[in-house]
Amino acid sequence: MKINTNFEFSTSKKIVLRRIILIVAILFLLCLTNIYLGVISHQIFLIILGLSLLINIAYCLTIYFAEANKNQYPDYLFQYGYTKFESIFIVIHFFLSLIIAIITFHLTIILNISTIIIRIDNQLLLLGYIFFCSLILILLKKIFDRNLSGTNDRELVYNFIVWKNILIMFFVCFVFISIAILFYQAEKAKFLLHLDKILAGLLSLYLFIIPISNIKNAIDILIDKPASDEIQFNILSVVVENIKNYCEFRRLQVRSAGKKLLVEIEVVLPYDFTIEQKYKLEKRFDKQIKDIYLNSITRLYVVPCNRDCSENDQLDCPIRKPQK
C-alpha cells in the first residue's frame, strides 16, 4: 500500500486556506459596512475607506492562490519567495487605486454628495466604530501572520506594508472625526463639508504610494527581465577569474526575482570529478559573487568532459594536476 507522505502538509494547507478565506470574508463585511455608512451619512471619506479594504482583500486572495498552488514544503536553503504573485498584486493594486481615485473624483466633484453635517452624537458613534474596526484589523493581521508563519523566509515583501497602510488610513479617519467633533462644538460645522472632501482626496492619493513606487519593478519581474549588462559583466568577471578551476565555460544566466539575484553558471569539469569537488567550486563562485551582490543565489551546473584527456596525456586537461 502506498503511504501518502504529504498528508500532514495537505491538511495544514487546507486549514491555512480556510482561515485566509475567513479573513477575506470579514474584510469584505467591513468594506460593505463602511460603504453603507458612508452612503447614508453622505460622508465620502467613509466610502473611500471601505473601498480601500478591497486592496487588503486583493492581497489576501493573492497569497491564497500562492498557498493553494504550493505542492511542497518551502525550500529552506534557497527560498525565492512568492515574488511573481506579489508582482501581480502590485499591478492589481495600481488599477484598484486608479478606480478608487475616479470614484472619489465622481463623488466629490460631479455628485457633490457631502451635503449633510453629521450630528455630534452620530460622530461619537462613528468614532467608536472606526476604533472598533482598527482593533479588528489588528486582530486579522495577527491571524494572517500566524497562519503564514512558514513564509517569513519567503519574503512576503508587501504583507506588512499593506496592513500598515490600511491601519494608518483608519487612524487618520479617527483623527478626522475627532477634529470634526471639535469643529462642531466650536459652531463651525459647515467647514466639515470641505474637510470631508479633502480627506477623501488624500486617502485616495495615499493608496497610490505602494503601486507607483513598485509597479515598474513588478512588471520587470512578471516579464522575467534579465539582469542589467553591468551586473552580467561583473558576475562574468568572477567566472573568468576562476578559469583555472574548470575545463570550459558554457553558459551564464542572471535574472532578478524581487530582491534576489538568481545566478546560473554552467561549466565543464573532468568526467571523474567528485561531487565534493563540484561543491567546492560552487561555494567558491557563491562567495565571490556574494562579495559583489549580497542578495545573489548561485547555482552551478556541471557538464562532464568528453574524456579526451584520459585518452591522451593528462596535461591536456586544463585543471588536472599531473601525477608525480
Protein backbone atom coordinates (compact mmCIF):
# COMPACT_ATOMS: atom_id res chain seq x y z
CA MET A 1 0.00 0.00 0.00
CA LYS A 2 1.31 3.44 -0.92
CA ILE A 3 1.64 5.80 2.04
CA ASN A 4 0.70 9.45 1.50
CA THR A 5 3.69 11.28 2.94
CA ASN A 6 2.13 14.65 2.06
CA PHE A 7 -0.91 14.12 4.33
CA GLU A 8 0.33 16.43 7.07
CA PHE A 9 1.26 19.14 4.58
CA SER A 10 -2.03 18.86 2.67
CA THR A 11 -4.05 19.04 5.89
CA SER A 12 -2.18 22.08 7.22
CA LYS A 13 -2.52 23.80 3.85
CA LYS A 14 -6.29 23.33 3.85
CA ILE A 15 -6.50 24.89 7.32
CA VAL A 16 -4.42 27.89 6.20
CA LEU A 17 -6.58 28.36 3.08
CA ARG A 18 -9.80 28.25 5.11
CA ARG A 19 -8.51 30.85 7.54
CA ILE A 20 -7.46 33.14 4.71
CA ILE A 21 -10.96 32.86 3.23
CA LEU A 22 -12.40 33.71 6.67
CA ILE A 23 -10.17 36.80 6.85
CA VAL A 24 -11.28 37.82 3.35
CA ALA A 25 -14.95 37.39 4.35
CA ILE A 26 -14.51 39.63 7.43
CA LEU A 27 -12.65 42.25 5.38
CA PHE A 28 -15.42 42.20 2.78
CA LEU A 29 -18.03 42.68 5.52
CA LEU A 30 -16.09 45.68 6.87
CA CYS A 31 -15.84 47.02 3.31
CA LEU A 32 -19.61 46.85 2.77
CA THR A 33 -20.32 48.31 6.22
CA ASN A 34 -18.06 51.31 5.63
CA ILE A 35 -19.58 51.97 2.21
CA TYR A 36 -23.12 51.68 3.62
CA LEU A 37 -22.38 54.08 6.49
CA GLY A 38 -20.73 56.48 4.05
CA VAL A 39 -23.76 56.46 1.74
CA ILE A 40 -26.39 57.01 4.45
CA SER A 41 -24.31 59.67 6.21
CA HIS A 42 -23.14 61.35 2.98
CA GLN A 43 -19.52 61.06 4.13
CA ILE A 44 -17.22 60.42 1.18
CA PHE A 45 -14.22 59.50 3.32
CA LEU A 46 -16.11 56.51 4.77
CA ILE A 47 -16.90 55.24 1.26
CA ILE A 48 -13.25 55.58 0.21
CA LEU A 49 -12.13 53.90 3.44
CA GLY A 50 -14.43 50.97 2.67
CA LEU A 51 -13.21 50.72 -0.92
CA SER A 52 -9.58 50.77 0.26
CA LEU A 53 -10.23 47.49 2.08
CA LEU A 54 -10.54 45.90 -1.37
CA ILE A 55 -6.76 46.24 -1.63
CA ASN A 56 -6.28 44.16 1.52
CA ILE A 57 -8.77 41.65 0.13
CA ALA A 58 -6.81 41.51 -3.14
CA TYR A 59 -3.58 40.86 -1.25
CA CYS A 60 -5.09 38.10 0.88
CA LEU A 61 -6.52 36.44 -2.24
CA THR A 62 -3.10 36.72 -3.92
CA ILE A 63 -1.50 34.84 -1.04
CA TYR A 64 -4.43 32.40 -1.07
CA PHE A 65 -3.71 31.43 -4.69
CA ALA A 66 0.01 31.23 -3.89
CA GLU A 67 -0.65 28.86 -0.99
CA ALA A 68 -3.23 26.87 -2.98
CA ASN A 69 -0.72 26.23 -5.78
CA LYS A 70 2.08 25.25 -3.43
CA ASN A 71 2.59 21.49 -3.59
CA GLN A 72 5.57 21.02 -1.31
CA TYR A 73 7.24 22.42 1.78
CA PRO A 74 9.34 25.55 1.26
CA ASP A 75 12.94 25.09 0.21
CA TYR A 76 14.61 26.30 3.39
CA LEU A 77 18.03 26.68 1.80
CA PHE A 78 17.14 28.59 -1.35
CA GLN A 79 13.87 30.45 -0.99
CA TYR A 80 12.82 32.53 -3.96
CA GLY A 81 9.54 33.69 -2.42
CA TYR A 82 6.20 34.41 -3.99
CA THR A 83 7.70 37.27 -5.96
CA LYS A 84 5.57 36.84 -9.08
CA PHE A 85 2.37 36.60 -7.03
CA GLU A 86 3.21 39.83 -5.22
CA SER A 87 4.13 41.44 -8.53
CA ILE A 88 0.67 40.56 -9.85
CA PHE A 89 -0.77 42.12 -6.68
CA ILE A 90 1.10 45.39 -7.34
CA VAL A 91 -0.49 45.63 -10.80
CA ILE A 92 -3.93 44.88 -9.31
CA HIS A 93 -3.25 47.42 -6.55
CA PHE A 94 -2.47 50.09 -9.13
CA PHE A 95 -5.72 49.59 -11.05
CA LEU A 96 -7.80 49.38 -7.85
CA SER A 97 -6.24 52.66 -6.66
CA LEU A 98 -6.99 54.22 -10.04
CA ILE A 99 -10.64 53.11 -9.85
CA ILE A 100 -10.96 54.44 -6.28
CA ALA A 101 -9.45 57.77 -7.38
CA ILE A 102 -12.01 58.04 -10.20
CA ILE A 103 -14.84 57.22 -7.77
CA THR A 104 -13.52 59.88 -5.36
CA PHE A 105 -13.48 62.47 -8.14
CA HIS A 106 -17.00 61.48 -9.20
CA LEU A 107 -18.42 61.69 -5.66
CA THR A 108 -16.70 64.93 -4.66
CA ILE A 109 -16.82 66.97 -7.88
CA ILE A 110 -19.65 65.63 -10.02
CA LEU A 111 -22.19 64.36 -7.47
CA ASN A 112 -21.01 66.51 -4.55
CA ILE A 113 -22.79 64.19 -2.11
CA SER A 114 -21.15 65.67 1.00
CA THR A 115 -24.09 67.93 1.85
CA ILE A 116 -25.13 66.70 5.30
CA ILE A 117 -23.43 67.60 8.58
CA ILE A 118 -23.44 64.65 10.98
CA ARG A 119 -24.80 65.37 14.44
CA ILE A 120 -22.32 65.18 17.28
CA ASP A 121 -23.89 62.05 18.80
CA ASN A 122 -23.56 60.23 15.46
CA GLN A 123 -19.97 61.45 15.19
CA LEU A 124 -19.21 59.85 18.54
CA LEU A 125 -20.72 56.59 17.27
CA LEU A 126 -18.56 56.82 14.15
CA LEU A 127 -15.52 57.46 16.32
CA GLY A 128 -16.22 54.27 18.26
CA TYR A 129 -16.89 52.36 15.04
CA ILE A 130 -13.55 53.39 13.48
CA PHE A 131 -11.74 52.40 16.67
CA PHE A 132 -13.53 49.03 16.70
CA CYS A 133 -12.64 48.39 13.03
CA SER A 134 -8.99 49.20 13.77
CA LEU A 135 -8.93 46.59 16.53
CA ILE A 136 -10.48 44.01 14.17
CA LEU A 137 -7.86 44.78 11.50
CA ILE A 138 -5.03 44.36 14.02
CA LEU A 139 -6.52 41.01 15.05
CA LEU A 140 -6.91 39.90 11.42
CA LYS A 141 -3.29 40.80 10.68
CA LYS A 142 -2.09 38.72 13.64
CA ILE A 143 -4.19 35.75 12.47
CA PHE A 144 -2.92 36.20 8.91
CA ASP A 145 0.73 36.35 10.04
CA ARG A 146 0.32 33.37 12.38
CA ASN A 147 -1.13 31.18 9.63
CA LEU A 148 1.69 32.15 7.30
CA SER A 149 4.45 31.76 9.87
CA GLY A 150 6.30 29.49 7.44
CA THR A 151 6.54 32.32 4.90
CA ASN A 152 8.89 34.52 6.91
CA ASP A 153 11.88 33.44 4.86
CA ARG A 154 9.95 33.58 1.60
CA GLU A 155 9.94 37.34 1.83
CA LEU A 156 6.32 38.42 1.54
CA VAL A 157 7.54 41.95 0.98
CA TYR A 158 4.18 43.73 0.93
CA ASN A 159 2.44 41.87 3.76
CA PHE A 160 3.44 44.33 6.49
CA ILE A 161 3.15 47.37 4.21
CA VAL A 162 -0.42 46.64 3.06
CA TRP A 163 -1.76 46.08 6.57
CA LYS A 164 0.20 49.05 7.91
CA ASN A 165 -1.23 51.38 5.26
CA ILE A 166 -4.86 50.47 5.95
CA LEU A 167 -4.32 50.95 9.69
CA ILE A 168 -2.77 54.36 9.01
CA MET A 169 -5.85 55.29 6.95
CA PHE A 170 -8.19 54.25 9.77
CA PHE A 171 -6.07 56.23 12.25
CA VAL A 172 -6.26 59.33 10.03
CA CYS A 173 -10.04 58.93 9.84
CA PHE A 174 -10.16 58.57 13.63
CA VAL A 175 -8.26 61.85 13.96
CA PHE A 176 -10.56 63.47 11.35
CA ILE A 177 -13.71 62.55 13.28
CA SER A 178 -12.11 63.86 16.49
CA ILE A 179 -11.39 67.16 14.71
CA ALA A 180 -14.94 67.17 13.34
CA ILE A 181 -16.30 66.95 16.89
CA LEU A 182 -14.17 69.95 17.89
CA PHE A 183 -15.43 71.95 14.89
CA TYR A 184 -19.00 71.02 15.76
CA GLN A 185 -18.57 72.26 19.33
CA ALA A 186 -16.95 75.47 18.04
CA GLU A 187 -20.04 76.07 15.87
CA LYS A 188 -18.03 75.85 12.66
CA ALA A 189 -19.59 72.64 11.41
CA LYS A 190 -20.06 73.94 7.84
CA PHE A 191 -16.33 73.65 7.31
CA LEU A 192 -16.68 69.87 7.78
CA LEU A 193 -18.26 69.62 4.33
CA HIS A 194 -14.97 70.75 2.80
CA LEU A 195 -12.87 68.73 5.26
CA ASP A 196 -14.64 65.54 4.20
CA LYS A 197 -13.75 66.12 0.54
CA ILE A 198 -10.14 66.95 1.40
CA LEU A 199 -9.78 63.79 3.49
CA ALA A 200 -11.35 61.63 0.77
CA GLY A 201 -8.91 63.05 -1.78
CA LEU A 202 -5.91 62.48 0.49
CA LEU A 203 -6.96 58.88 1.20
CA SER A 204 -7.36 58.07 -2.50
CA LEU A 205 -3.94 59.58 -3.28
CA TYR A 206 -2.33 57.72 -0.40
CA LEU A 207 -3.40 54.42 -1.97
CA PHE A 208 -1.00 55.08 -4.87
CA ILE A 209 2.10 55.07 -2.65
CA ILE A 210 2.82 51.33 -2.98
CA PRO A 211 1.97 50.71 -6.67
CA ILE A 212 3.55 53.88 -8.07
CA SER A 213 6.90 53.18 -6.40
CA ASN A 214 6.92 49.45 -7.25
CA ILE A 215 4.97 48.87 -10.47
CA LYS A 216 7.98 49.13 -12.80
CA ASN A 217 9.88 46.52 -10.79
CA ALA A 218 6.75 44.34 -10.66
CA ILE A 219 6.34 44.43 -14.45
CA ASP A 220 10.04 43.60 -14.92
CA ILE A 221 9.62 40.55 -12.69
CA LEU A 222 6.45 39.41 -14.47
CA ILE A 223 8.15 39.50 -17.87
CA ASP A 224 11.17 37.75 -16.29
CA LYS A 225 13.54 40.55 -17.19
CA PRO A 226 17.22 39.55 -17.11
CA ALA A 227 19.71 41.47 -15.02
CA SER A 228 21.40 44.55 -16.47
CA ASP A 229 24.54 44.32 -18.61
CA GLU A 230 26.59 45.80 -15.78
CA ILE A 231 25.53 43.04 -13.38
CA GLN A 232 26.09 40.38 -16.04
CA PHE A 233 29.62 41.62 -16.77
CA ASN A 234 30.52 41.87 -13.07
CA ILE A 235 29.48 38.26 -12.50
CA LEU A 236 31.17 37.17 -15.73
CA SER A 237 34.41 38.67 -14.41
CA VAL A 238 34.16 36.28 -11.44
CA VAL A 239 33.68 33.37 -13.84
CA VAL A 240 36.73 34.44 -15.87
CA GLU A 241 38.76 34.90 -12.69
CA ASN A 242 38.20 31.21 -11.90
CA ILE A 243 39.12 29.97 -15.36
CA LYS A 244 41.85 27.73 -13.91
CA ASN A 245 39.29 25.85 -11.84
CA TYR A 246 37.23 24.39 -14.69
CA CYS A 247 37.78 22.97 -18.15
CA GLU A 248 35.36 25.05 -20.19
CA PHE A 249 32.78 27.77 -19.63
CA ARG A 250 29.40 27.10 -21.27
CA ARG A 251 26.67 29.47 -20.09
CA LEU A 252 25.79 32.28 -17.67
CA GLN A 253 22.24 33.39 -16.86
CA VAL A 254 21.46 36.15 -14.37
CA ARG A 255 17.91 37.26 -13.64
CA SER A 256 16.07 39.17 -10.94
CA ALA A 257 13.42 37.68 -8.67
CA GLY A 258 12.29 40.52 -6.46
CA LYS A 259 15.22 41.47 -4.26
CA LYS A 260 17.06 38.27 -5.12
CA LEU A 261 19.55 37.88 -7.94
CA LEU A 262 19.45 34.37 -9.39
CA VAL A 263 22.74 33.32 -10.98
CA GLU A 264 23.11 30.13 -13.04
CA ILE A 265 26.55 29.09 -14.27
CA GLU A 266 27.32 26.09 -16.47
CA VAL A 267 30.87 24.78 -16.80
CA VAL A 268 32.68 21.64 -17.93
CA LEU A 269 34.65 19.62 -15.36
CA PRO A 270 36.69 16.40 -15.68
CA TYR A 271 34.44 13.37 -16.04
CA ASP A 272 35.75 11.76 -12.83
CA PHE A 273 35.46 14.77 -10.55
CA THR A 274 33.61 14.01 -7.34
CA ILE A 275 30.52 15.78 -6.02
CA GLU A 276 32.72 17.24 -3.30
CA GLN A 277 35.00 18.88 -5.87
CA LYS A 278 31.99 20.29 -7.72
CA TYR A 279 30.58 21.56 -4.42
CA LYS A 280 33.82 23.36 -3.54
CA LEU A 281 33.76 25.17 -6.88
CA GLU A 282 30.11 26.16 -6.39
CA LYS A 283 30.87 27.55 -2.92
CA ARG A 284 33.80 29.48 -4.36
CA PHE A 285 31.59 31.06 -7.02
CA ASP A 286 28.89 31.78 -4.47
CA LYS A 287 31.27 33.51 -2.06
CA GLN A 288 32.94 35.67 -4.70
CA ILE A 289 29.63 36.71 -6.28
CA LYS A 290 28.15 37.47 -2.84
CA ASP A 291 31.09 39.78 -2.19
CA ILE A 292 29.74 41.87 -5.06
CA TYR A 293 25.98 41.21 -4.74
CA LEU A 294 24.95 40.09 -1.27
CA ASN A 295 21.40 39.29 -2.49
CA SER A 296 22.61 36.70 -5.03
CA ILE A 297 21.80 32.98 -5.09
CA THR A 298 24.25 30.99 -7.21
CA ARG A 299 23.63 27.66 -8.88
CA LEU A 300 26.46 25.78 -10.60
CA TYR A 301 25.56 23.28 -13.32
CA VAL A 302 28.31 20.86 -14.33
CA VAL A 303 28.79 19.01 -17.61
CA PRO A 304 31.40 16.19 -17.73
CA CYS A 305 34.18 16.47 -20.25
CA ASN A 306 34.43 14.11 -23.25
CA ARG A 307 37.39 12.17 -21.73
CA ASP A 308 39.89 13.30 -24.34
CA CYS A 309 42.34 13.98 -21.53
CA SER A 310 42.27 10.32 -20.47
CA GLU A 311 42.99 9.08 -23.96
CA ASN A 312 45.97 11.37 -24.36
CA ASP A 313 48.24 12.94 -21.79
CA GLN A 314 46.76 14.25 -18.55
CA LEU A 315 48.42 17.56 -19.30
CA ASP A 316 45.71 18.07 -21.92
CA CYS A 317 43.27 18.70 -19.07
CA PRO A 318 43.43 22.40 -18.18
CA ILE A 319 42.86 21.85 -14.47
CA ARG A 320 44.07 18.35 -13.60
CA LYS A 321 47.45 18.24 -11.90
CA PRO A 322 49.98 15.91 -13.49
CA GLN A 323 50.75 12.77 -11.48
CA LYS A 324 54.14 12.76 -9.80
